[in-house]
């Protein structure tokens, strides 16, 4: 049986996050990062524990 199908049986659904950010040396260019994966709402454990969390923290530090 496909592992993605088994995960969907356990109430996981496709989750999409769009991160908008500026590069420190190109602040006039707004960039977008799209992340999509199976995750469990409303806690979103994959979103909060993946490398995207590091990206979000980096983004927050760059936009100050």
PDB file of N, CA and C in Angstrom:
ATOM      1  N   UNK A   1       0.854  -1.181   0.000  1.00  0.00           N
ATOM      2  CA  UNK A   1       0.000   0.000   0.000  1.00  0.00           C
ATOM      3  C   UNK A   1       0.896   1.239   0.000  1.00  0.00           C
ATOM      4  N   UNK A   2       0.482   2.247  -0.743  1.00  0.00           N
ATOM      5  CA  UNK A   2       1.244   3.489  -0.851  1.00  0.00           C
ATOM      6  C   UNK A   2       1.308   4.203   0.503  1.00  0.00           C
ATOM      7  N   UNK A   3       2.515   4.589   0.968  1.00  0.00           N
ATOM      8  CA  UNK A   3       2.629   5.256   2.275  1.00  0.00           C
ATOM      9  C   UNK A   3       1.858   6.575   2.344  1.00  0.00           C
ATOM     10  N   UNK A   4       1.753   7.311   1.236  1.00  0.00           N
ATOM     11  CA  UNK A   4       0.979   8.557   1.254  1.00  0.00           C
ATOM     12  C   UNK A   4      -0.500   8.289   1.476  1.00  0.00           C
ATOM     13  N   UNK A   5      -0.997   7.191   0.954  1.00  0.00           N
ATOM     14  CA  UNK A   5      -2.398   6.828   1.156  1.00  0.00           C
ATOM     15  C   UNK A   5      -2.653   6.483   2.626  1.00  0.00           C
ATOM     16  N   UNK A   6      -1.732   5.769   3.245  1.00  0.00           N
ATOM     17  CA  UNK A   6      -1.865   5.409   4.661  1.00  0.00           C
ATOM     18  C   UNK A   6      -1.888   6.669   5.519  1.00  0.00           C
ATOM     19  N   UNK A   7      -1.037   7.620   5.209  1.00  0.00           N
ATOM     20  CA  UNK A   7      -1.006   8.876   5.956  1.00  0.00           C
ATOM     21  C   UNK A   7      -2.331   9.613   5.816  1.00  0.00           C
ATOM     22  N   UNK A   8      -2.913   9.618   4.619  1.00  0.00           N
ATOM     23  CA  UNK A   8      -4.195  10.293   4.421  1.00  0.00           C
ATOM     24  C   UNK A   8      -5.312   9.621   5.208  1.00  0.00           C
ATOM     25  N   UNK A   9      -5.220   8.339   5.420  1.00  0.00           N
ATOM     26  CA  UNK A   9      -6.218   7.651   6.244  1.00  0.00           C
ATOM     27  C   UNK A   9      -6.126   8.077   7.701  1.00  0.00           C
ATOM     28  N   UNK A  10      -4.982   8.590   8.111  1.00  0.00           N
ATOM     29  CA  UNK A  10      -4.786   9.058   9.483  1.00  0.00           C
ATOM     30  C   UNK A  10      -5.073  10.550   9.620  1.00  0.00           C
ATOM     31  N   UNK A  11      -5.968  11.091   8.794  1.00  0.00           N
ATOM     32  CA  UNK A  11      -6.441  12.484   8.844  1.00  0.00           C
ATOM     33  C   UNK A  11      -5.414  13.516   8.406  1.00  0.00           C
ATOM     34  N   UNK A  12      -4.367  13.122   7.736  1.00  0.00           N
ATOM     35  CA  UNK A  12      -3.436  14.086   7.170  1.00  0.00           C
ATOM     36  C   UNK A  12      -4.007  14.607   5.855  1.00  0.00           C
ATOM     37  N   UNK A  13      -3.811  15.880   5.587  1.00  0.00           N
ATOM     38  CA  UNK A  13      -4.307  16.512   4.376  1.00  0.00           C
ATOM     39  C   UNK A  13      -3.194  17.338   3.745  1.00  0.00           C
ATOM     40  N   UNK A  14      -3.369  17.671   2.479  1.00  0.00           N
ATOM     41  CA  UNK A  14      -2.389  18.508   1.797  1.00  0.00           C
ATOM     42  C   UNK A  14      -2.432  19.913   2.401  1.00  0.00           C
ATOM     43  N   UNK A  15      -1.263  20.401   2.807  1.00  0.00           N
ATOM     44  CA  UNK A  15      -1.125  21.724   3.401  1.00  0.00           C
ATOM     45  C   UNK A  15      -0.197  22.552   2.529  1.00  0.00           C
ATOM     46  N   UNK A  16      -0.577  23.773   2.261  1.00  0.00           N
ATOM     47  CA  UNK A  16       0.238  24.664   1.445  1.00  0.00           C
ATOM     48  C   UNK A  16       0.560  25.918   2.248  1.00  0.00           C
ATOM     49  N   UNK A  17       1.829  26.301   2.248  1.00  0.00           N
ATOM     50  CA  UNK A  17       2.259  27.534   2.911  1.00  0.00           C
ATOM     51  C   UNK A  17       3.008  28.383   1.898  1.00  0.00           C
ATOM     52  N   UNK A  18       2.685  29.656   1.846  1.00  0.00           N
ATOM     53  CA  UNK A  18       3.406  30.588   0.982  1.00  0.00           C
ATOM     54  C   UNK A  18       4.140  31.584   1.867  1.00  0.00           C
ATOM     55  N   UNK A  19       5.450  31.645   1.694  1.00  0.00           N
ATOM     56  CA  UNK A  19       6.298  32.542   2.468  1.00  0.00           C
ATOM     57  C   UNK A  19       6.761  33.658   1.536  1.00  0.00           C
ATOM     58  N   UNK A  20       6.499  34.892   1.918  1.00  0.00           N
ATOM     59  CA  UNK A  20       6.966  36.054   1.158  1.00  0.00           C
ATOM     60  C   UNK A  20       8.145  36.658   1.906  1.00  0.00           C
ATOM     61  N   UNK A  21       9.221  36.952   1.185  1.00  0.00           N
ATOM     62  CA  UNK A  21      10.416  37.461   1.858  1.00  0.00           C
ATOM     63  C   UNK A  21      11.241  38.330   0.918  1.00  0.00           C
ATOM     64  N   UNK A  22      12.112  39.148   1.528  1.00  0.00           N
ATOM     65  CA  UNK A  22      13.082  39.960   0.818  1.00  0.00           C
ATOM     66  C   UNK A  22      14.470  39.451   1.142  1.00  0.00           C
ATOM     67  N   UNK A  23      15.338  39.474   0.169  1.00  0.00           N
ATOM     68  CA  UNK A  23      16.745  39.173   0.396  1.00  0.00           C
ATOM     69  C   UNK A  23      17.391  40.431   0.979  1.00  0.00           C
ATOM     70  N   UNK A  24      18.315  40.293   1.918  1.00  0.00           N
ATOM     71  CA  UNK A  24      18.904  41.477   2.562  1.00  0.00           C
ATOM     72  C   UNK A  24      19.567  42.443   1.572  1.00  0.00           C
ATOM     73  N   UNK A  25      20.178  41.923   0.522  1.00  0.00           N
ATOM     74  CA  UNK A  25      20.863  42.807  -0.417  1.00  0.00           C
ATOM     75  C   UNK A  25      19.986  43.228  -1.601  1.00  0.00           C
ATOM     76  N   UNK A  26      18.745  42.747  -1.666  1.00  0.00           N
ATOM     77  CA  UNK A  26      17.805  43.121  -2.733  1.00  0.00           C
ATOM     78  C   UNK A  26      16.426  43.386  -2.118  1.00  0.00           C
ATOM     79  N   UNK A  27      16.351  44.378  -1.266  1.00  0.00           N
ATOM     80  CA  UNK A  27      15.123  44.627  -0.516  1.00  0.00           C
ATOM     81  C   UNK A  27      13.981  45.121  -1.389  1.00  0.00           C
ATOM     82  N   UNK A  28      14.245  45.535  -2.601  1.00  0.00           N
ATOM     83  CA  UNK A  28      13.185  46.006  -3.502  1.00  0.00           C
ATOM     84  C   UNK A  28      12.531  44.849  -4.256  1.00  0.00           C
ATOM     85  N   UNK A  29      13.065  43.615  -4.109  1.00  0.00           N
ATOM     86  CA  UNK A  29      12.524  42.441  -4.809  1.00  0.00           C
ATOM     87  C   UNK A  29      11.828  41.539  -3.794  1.00  0.00           C
ATOM     88  N   UNK A  30      10.530  41.394  -3.926  1.00  0.00           N
ATOM     89  CA  UNK A  30       9.763  40.507  -3.065  1.00  0.00           C
ATOM     90  C   UNK A  30       9.752  39.112  -3.690  1.00  0.00           C
ATOM     91  N   UNK A  31      10.175  38.113  -2.916  1.00  0.00           N
ATOM     92  CA  UNK A  31      10.223  36.746  -3.424  1.00  0.00           C
ATOM     93  C   UNK A  31       9.190  35.891  -2.697  1.00  0.00           C
ATOM     94  N   UNK A  32       8.846  34.769  -3.313  1.00  0.00           N
ATOM     95  CA  UNK A  32       7.833  33.873  -2.763  1.00  0.00           C
ATOM     96  C   UNK A  32       8.374  32.455  -2.734  1.00  0.00           C
ATOM     97  N   UNK A  33       8.121  31.758  -1.627  1.00  0.00           N
ATOM     98  CA  UNK A  33       8.506  30.362  -1.476  1.00  0.00           C
ATOM     99  C   UNK A  33       7.227  29.580  -1.166  1.00  0.00           C
ATOM    100  N   UNK A  34       6.910  28.581  -1.975  1.00  0.00           N
ATOM    101  CA  UNK A  34       5.713  27.755  -1.769  1.00  0.00           C
ATOM    102  C   UNK A  34       6.144  26.404  -1.226  1.00  0.00           C
ATOM    103  N   UNK A  35       5.526  25.972  -0.121  1.00  0.00           N
ATOM    104  CA  UNK A  35       5.813  24.683   0.498  1.00  0.00           C
ATOM    105  C   UNK A  35       4.500  23.911   0.529  1.00  0.00           C
ATOM    106  N   UNK A  36       4.547  22.640   0.110  1.00  0.00           N
ATOM    107  CA  UNK A  36       3.345  21.818   0.127  1.00  0.00           C
ATOM    108  C   UNK A  36       3.717  20.413   0.568  1.00  0.00           C
ATOM    109  N   UNK A  37       2.942  19.875   1.507  1.00  0.00           N
ATOM    110  CA  UNK A  37       3.197  18.546   2.050  1.00  0.00           C
ATOM    111  C   UNK A  37       1.933  18.044   2.749  1.00  0.00           C
ATOM    112  N   UNK A  38       1.919  16.766   3.080  1.00  0.00           N
ATOM    113  CA  UNK A  38       0.827  16.234   3.889  1.00  0.00           C
ATOM    114  C   UNK A  38       1.068  16.630   5.336  1.00  0.00           C
ATOM    115  N   UNK A  39       0.032  17.149   5.986  1.00  0.00           N
ATOM    116  CA  UNK A  39       0.171  17.587   7.368  1.00  0.00           C
ATOM    117  C   UNK A  39      -1.152  17.421   8.103  1.00  0.00           C
ATOM    118  N   UNK A  40      -1.079  17.488   9.404  1.00  0.00           N
ATOM    119  CA  UNK A  40      -2.225  17.250  10.277  1.00  0.00           C
ATOM    120  C   UNK A  40      -2.707  18.574  10.869  1.00  0.00           C
ATOM    121  N   UNK A  41      -3.872  19.047  10.417  1.00  0.00           N
ATOM    122  CA  UNK A  41      -4.440  20.290  10.944  1.00  0.00           C
ATOM    123  C   UNK A  41      -5.118  20.004  12.282  1.00  0.00           C
ATOM    124  N   UNK A  42      -5.172  20.912  13.211  1.00  0.00           N
ATOM    125  CA  UNK A  42      -4.697  22.288  13.168  1.00  0.00           C
ATOM    126  C   UNK A  42      -3.298  22.465  13.763  1.00  0.00           C
ATOM    127  N   UNK A  43      -2.628  21.393  14.168  1.00  0.00           N
ATOM    128  CA  UNK A  43      -1.304  21.544  14.796  1.00  0.00           C
ATOM    129  C   UNK A  43      -0.186  21.722  13.779  1.00  0.00           C
ATOM    130  N   UNK A  44      -0.314  21.169  12.588  1.00  0.00           N
ATOM    131  CA  UNK A  44       0.666  21.240  11.515  1.00  0.00           C
ATOM    132  C   UNK A  44       2.068  20.841  11.975  1.00  0.00           C
ATOM    133  N   UNK A  45       2.240  19.606  12.449  1.00  0.00           N
ATOM    134  CA  UNK A  45       3.564  19.191  12.952  1.00  0.00           C
ATOM    135  C   UNK A  45       4.651  19.179  11.875  1.00  0.00           C
ATOM    136  N   UNK A  46       4.333  18.840  10.644  1.00  0.00           N
ATOM    137  CA  UNK A  46       5.355  18.829   9.587  1.00  0.00           C
ATOM    138  C   UNK A  46       5.790  20.239   9.225  1.00  0.00           C
ATOM    139  N   UNK A  47       4.864  21.165   9.192  1.00  0.00           N
ATOM    140  CA  UNK A  47       5.181  22.555   8.866  1.00  0.00           C
ATOM    141  C   UNK A  47       6.070  23.166   9.937  1.00  0.00           C
ATOM    142  N   UNK A  48       5.749  22.927  11.198  1.00  0.00           N
ATOM    143  CA  UNK A  48       6.499  23.556  12.285  1.00  0.00           C
ATOM    144  C   UNK A  48       7.825  22.866  12.571  1.00  0.00           C
ATOM    145  N   UNK A  49       7.996  21.602  12.167  1.00  0.00           N
ATOM    146  CA  UNK A  49       9.246  20.901  12.468  1.00  0.00           C
ATOM    147  C   UNK A  49      10.167  20.782  11.257  1.00  0.00           C
ATOM    148  N   UNK A  50       9.744  21.221  10.088  1.00  0.00           N
ATOM    149  CA  UNK A  50      10.553  21.067   8.882  1.00  0.00           C
ATOM    150  C   UNK A  50      11.520  22.223   8.717  1.00  0.00           C
ATOM    151  N   UNK A  51      12.263  22.186   7.654  1.00  0.00           N
ATOM    152  CA  UNK A  51      13.225  23.241   7.368  1.00  0.00           C
ATOM    153  C   UNK A  51      12.538  24.567   7.073  1.00  0.00           C
ATOM    154  N   UNK A  52      11.260  24.533   6.794  1.00  0.00           N
ATOM    155  CA  UNK A  52      10.551  25.786   6.543  1.00  0.00           C
ATOM    156  C   UNK A  52      10.504  26.651   7.804  1.00  0.00           C
ATOM    157  N   UNK A  53      10.560  26.043   8.987  1.00  0.00           N
ATOM    158  CA  UNK A  53      10.590  26.825  10.217  1.00  0.00           C
ATOM    159  C   UNK A  53      11.845  27.674  10.264  1.00  0.00           C
ATOM    160  N   UNK A  54      12.963  27.112   9.849  1.00  0.00           N
ATOM    161  CA  UNK A  54      14.203  27.872   9.780  1.00  0.00           C
ATOM    162  C   UNK A  54      14.094  28.994   8.772  1.00  0.00           C
ATOM    163  N   UNK A  55      13.421  28.729   7.671  1.00  0.00           N
ATOM    164  CA  UNK A  55      13.216  29.751   6.654  1.00  0.00           C
ATOM    165  C   UNK A  55      12.365  30.874   7.206  1.00  0.00           C
ATOM    166  N   UNK A  56      11.350  30.529   7.983  1.00  0.00           N
ATOM    167  CA  UNK A  56      10.463  31.545   8.546  1.00  0.00           C
ATOM    168  C   UNK A  56      11.225  32.422   9.525  1.00  0.00           C
ATOM    169  N   UNK A  57      12.076  31.814  10.369  1.00  0.00           N
ATOM    170  CA  UNK A  57      12.862  32.598  11.324  1.00  0.00           C
ATOM    171  C   UNK A  57      13.851  33.490  10.591  1.00  0.00           C
ATOM    172  N   UNK A  58      14.449  32.965   9.545  1.00  0.00           N
ATOM    173  CA  UNK A  58      15.380  33.750   8.738  1.00  0.00           C
ATOM    174  C   UNK A  58      14.648  34.918   8.087  1.00  0.00           C
ATOM    175  N   UNK A  59      13.459  34.646   7.591  1.00  0.00           N
ATOM    176  CA  UNK A  59      12.670  35.685   6.947  1.00  0.00           C
ATOM    177  C   UNK A  59      12.335  36.790   7.930  1.00  0.00           C
ATOM    178  N   UNK A  60      11.956  36.409   9.137  1.00  0.00           N
ATOM    179  CA  UNK A  60      11.609  37.403  10.155  1.00  0.00           C
ATOM    180  C   UNK A  60      12.818  38.281  10.473  1.00  0.00           C
ATOM    181  N   UNK A  61      14.001  37.692  10.529  1.00  0.00           N
ATOM    182  CA  UNK A  61      15.180  38.485  10.854  1.00  0.00           C
ATOM    183  C   UNK A  61      15.565  39.405   9.708  1.00  0.00           C
ATOM    184  N   UNK A  62      15.251  39.032   8.474  1.00  0.00           N
ATOM    185  CA  UNK A  62      15.615  39.846   7.306  1.00  0.00           C
ATOM    186  C   UNK A  62      14.661  41.013   7.096  1.00  0.00           C
ATOM    187  N   UNK A  63      13.453  40.912   7.604  1.00  0.00           N
ATOM    188  CA  UNK A  63      12.466  41.950   7.327  1.00  0.00           C
ATOM    189  C   UNK A  63      12.449  43.032   8.400  1.00  0.00           C
ATOM    190  N   UNK A  64      13.302  42.944   9.399  1.00  0.00           N
ATOM    191  CA  UNK A  64      13.337  43.960  10.461  1.00  0.00           C
ATOM    192  C   UNK A  64      14.042  45.204   9.994  1.00  0.00           C
TER     193      UNK A  64
END
